[in-house]
Amino acid sequence: MQVELLKLFQYDLPEKQLTEIKNMLATYFAKTAADEMDRLWDENGWDNDTMKEWANERMRKS
């Protein structure tokens, strides 16, 4: 993938196209992360109460 992205730099792409490519990549990785979280959410039976518990946990040691 890195090689394919580097190949893009041989062209003098307008800033607008570079921005579109960055947005496509960001959207792809955000969707991948969201899909994985959905899978974990379902697999582990998490719910809103689980998230509230996590938000209130103290992870630091005194």
N, C-alpha and C. Protein backbone atom coordinates (compact mmCIF):
# COMPACT_ATOMS: atom_id res chain seq x y z
N MET A 1 0.83 -1.19 0.00
CA MET A 1 0.00 0.00 0.00
C MET A 1 0.87 1.25 0.00
N GLN A 2 1.94 1.21 0.80
CA GLN A 2 2.82 2.38 0.87
C GLN A 2 3.43 2.67 -0.50
N VAL A 3 3.81 1.62 -1.20
CA VAL A 3 4.41 1.80 -2.52
C VAL A 3 3.41 2.44 -3.48
N GLU A 4 2.19 1.97 -3.42
CA GLU A 4 1.15 2.53 -4.30
C GLU A 4 0.91 4.01 -3.99
N LEU A 5 0.91 4.35 -2.71
CA LEU A 5 0.73 5.76 -2.34
C LEU A 5 1.92 6.60 -2.81
N LEU A 6 3.12 6.04 -2.67
CA LEU A 6 4.30 6.78 -3.13
C LEU A 6 4.27 7.01 -4.64
N LYS A 7 3.71 6.07 -5.38
CA LYS A 7 3.61 6.24 -6.83
C LYS A 7 2.77 7.47 -7.21
N LEU A 8 1.83 7.82 -6.34
CA LEU A 8 0.99 8.99 -6.61
C LEU A 8 1.82 10.28 -6.66
N PHE A 9 2.92 10.30 -5.92
CA PHE A 9 3.73 11.51 -5.84
C PHE A 9 4.51 11.80 -7.12
N GLN A 10 4.55 10.83 -8.05
CA GLN A 10 5.23 11.09 -9.31
C GLN A 10 4.40 12.00 -10.20
N TYR A 11 3.14 12.16 -9.86
CA TYR A 11 2.25 13.03 -10.62
C TYR A 11 2.11 14.36 -9.89
N ASP A 12 1.92 15.40 -10.64
CA ASP A 12 1.71 16.72 -10.04
C ASP A 12 0.21 16.90 -9.81
N LEU A 13 -0.26 16.28 -8.75
CA LEU A 13 -1.69 16.32 -8.45
C LEU A 13 -2.07 17.66 -7.82
N PRO A 14 -3.22 18.18 -8.23
CA PRO A 14 -3.70 19.41 -7.59
C PRO A 14 -4.00 19.16 -6.10
N GLU A 15 -3.90 20.20 -5.33
CA GLU A 15 -4.15 20.11 -3.89
C GLU A 15 -5.53 19.52 -3.60
N LYS A 16 -6.51 19.86 -4.42
CA LYS A 16 -7.87 19.34 -4.22
C LYS A 16 -7.88 17.81 -4.31
N GLN A 17 -7.17 17.24 -5.27
CA GLN A 17 -7.12 15.78 -5.39
C GLN A 17 -6.39 15.14 -4.22
N LEU A 18 -5.31 15.76 -3.77
CA LEU A 18 -4.59 15.24 -2.61
C LEU A 18 -5.49 15.24 -1.37
N THR A 19 -6.26 16.29 -1.22
CA THR A 19 -7.19 16.38 -0.10
C THR A 19 -8.26 15.29 -0.21
N GLU A 20 -8.75 15.06 -1.41
CA GLU A 20 -9.75 14.00 -1.61
C GLU A 20 -9.18 12.63 -1.27
N ILE A 21 -7.93 12.38 -1.66
CA ILE A 21 -7.28 11.10 -1.35
C ILE A 21 -7.12 10.95 0.15
N LYS A 22 -6.69 12.01 0.83
CA LYS A 22 -6.56 11.96 2.29
C LYS A 22 -7.90 11.67 2.95
N ASN A 23 -8.94 12.30 2.45
CA ASN A 23 -10.28 12.09 3.01
C ASN A 23 -10.76 10.65 2.77
N MET A 24 -10.48 10.10 1.59
CA MET A 24 -10.86 8.71 1.31
C MET A 24 -10.16 7.75 2.26
N LEU A 25 -8.86 7.98 2.48
CA LEU A 25 -8.11 7.13 3.39
C LEU A 25 -8.63 7.26 4.83
N ALA A 26 -8.89 8.48 5.25
CA ALA A 26 -9.40 8.71 6.60
C ALA A 26 -10.75 8.03 6.78
N THR A 27 -11.62 8.14 5.78
CA THR A 27 -12.94 7.51 5.84
C THR A 27 -12.81 6.00 5.91
N TYR A 28 -11.92 5.44 5.11
CA TYR A 28 -11.71 4.00 5.10
C TYR A 28 -11.26 3.51 6.48
N PHE A 29 -10.25 4.15 7.05
CA PHE A 29 -9.73 3.70 8.34
C PHE A 29 -10.72 3.96 9.48
N ALA A 30 -11.49 5.02 9.41
CA ALA A 30 -12.51 5.28 10.42
C ALA A 30 -13.60 4.21 10.36
N LYS A 31 -14.01 3.84 9.15
CA LYS A 31 -15.03 2.80 9.00
C LYS A 31 -14.51 1.46 9.50
N THR A 32 -13.26 1.15 9.18
CA THR A 32 -12.66 -0.10 9.65
C THR A 32 -12.65 -0.16 11.17
N ALA A 33 -12.26 0.93 11.81
CA ALA A 33 -12.24 0.98 13.28
C ALA A 33 -13.65 0.86 13.85
N ALA A 34 -14.62 1.55 13.25
CA ALA A 34 -16.00 1.50 13.73
C ALA A 34 -16.57 0.10 13.57
N ASP A 35 -16.28 -0.56 12.45
CA ASP A 35 -16.76 -1.93 12.24
C ASP A 35 -16.19 -2.87 13.29
N GLU A 36 -14.91 -2.70 13.62
CA GLU A 36 -14.29 -3.55 14.63
C GLU A 36 -14.90 -3.29 16.01
N MET A 37 -15.17 -2.03 16.33
CA MET A 37 -15.81 -1.71 17.61
C MET A 37 -17.21 -2.31 17.67
N ASP A 38 -17.95 -2.25 16.56
CA ASP A 38 -19.28 -2.86 16.52
C ASP A 38 -19.18 -4.37 16.77
N ARG A 39 -18.18 -5.01 16.16
CA ARG A 39 -17.99 -6.45 16.35
C ARG A 39 -17.70 -6.76 17.82
N LEU A 40 -16.78 -6.00 18.42
CA LEU A 40 -16.44 -6.21 19.83
C LEU A 40 -17.63 -5.93 20.74
N TRP A 41 -18.37 -4.89 20.43
CA TRP A 41 -19.55 -4.50 21.22
C TRP A 41 -20.52 -5.68 21.26
N ASP A 42 -20.82 -6.25 20.06
CA ASP A 42 -21.76 -7.37 19.98
C ASP A 42 -21.19 -8.63 20.63
N GLU A 43 -19.95 -8.93 20.34
CA GLU A 43 -19.29 -10.15 20.83
C GLU A 43 -19.21 -10.19 22.36
N ASN A 44 -19.01 -9.03 22.96
CA ASN A 44 -18.83 -8.96 24.42
C ASN A 44 -20.09 -8.55 25.18
N GLY A 45 -21.15 -8.26 24.46
CA GLY A 45 -22.40 -7.88 25.13
C GLY A 45 -22.33 -6.54 25.83
N TRP A 46 -21.47 -5.66 25.32
CA TRP A 46 -21.35 -4.33 25.93
C TRP A 46 -22.61 -3.52 25.67
N ASP A 47 -22.89 -2.56 26.55
CA ASP A 47 -24.01 -1.64 26.37
C ASP A 47 -23.61 -0.27 26.90
N ASN A 48 -24.56 0.64 26.92
CA ASN A 48 -24.26 2.01 27.37
C ASN A 48 -23.80 2.03 28.82
N ASP A 49 -24.33 1.13 29.63
CA ASP A 49 -23.89 1.05 31.03
C ASP A 49 -22.42 0.67 31.13
N THR A 50 -21.96 -0.22 30.23
CA THR A 50 -20.55 -0.60 30.19
C THR A 50 -19.68 0.63 29.92
N MET A 51 -20.10 1.44 28.97
CA MET A 51 -19.34 2.63 28.62
C MET A 51 -19.30 3.62 29.78
N LYS A 52 -20.42 3.76 30.49
CA LYS A 52 -20.46 4.66 31.65
C LYS A 52 -19.52 4.17 32.75
N GLU A 53 -19.51 2.84 32.96
CA GLU A 53 -18.60 2.28 33.96
C GLU A 53 -17.15 2.58 33.60
N TRP A 54 -16.80 2.37 32.33
CA TRP A 54 -15.44 2.63 31.88
C TRP A 54 -15.07 4.10 32.04
N ALA A 55 -16.02 4.98 31.75
CA ALA A 55 -15.74 6.41 31.84
C ALA A 55 -15.44 6.82 33.29
N ASN A 56 -16.00 6.10 34.23
CA ASN A 56 -15.83 6.45 35.64
C ASN A 56 -14.72 5.67 36.34
N GLU A 57 -14.07 4.75 35.62
CA GLU A 57 -12.99 3.97 36.23
C GLU A 57 -11.77 4.86 36.50
N ARG A 58 -11.10 4.53 37.59
CA ARG A 58 -9.84 5.20 37.91
C ARG A 58 -8.73 4.22 37.60
N MET A 59 -7.91 4.53 36.63
CA MET A 59 -6.88 3.61 36.18
C MET A 59 -5.52 3.90 36.81
N ARG A 60 -5.35 5.07 37.39
CA ARG A 60 -4.07 5.44 37.98
C ARG A 60 -3.90 4.84 39.36
N LYS A 61 -2.68 4.47 39.66
CA LYS A 61 -2.38 4.00 41.01
C LYS A 61 -1.89 5.17 41.84
N SER A 62 -2.28 5.18 43.11
CA SER A 62 -1.82 6.28 43.95
C SER A 62 -0.43 6.06 44.46
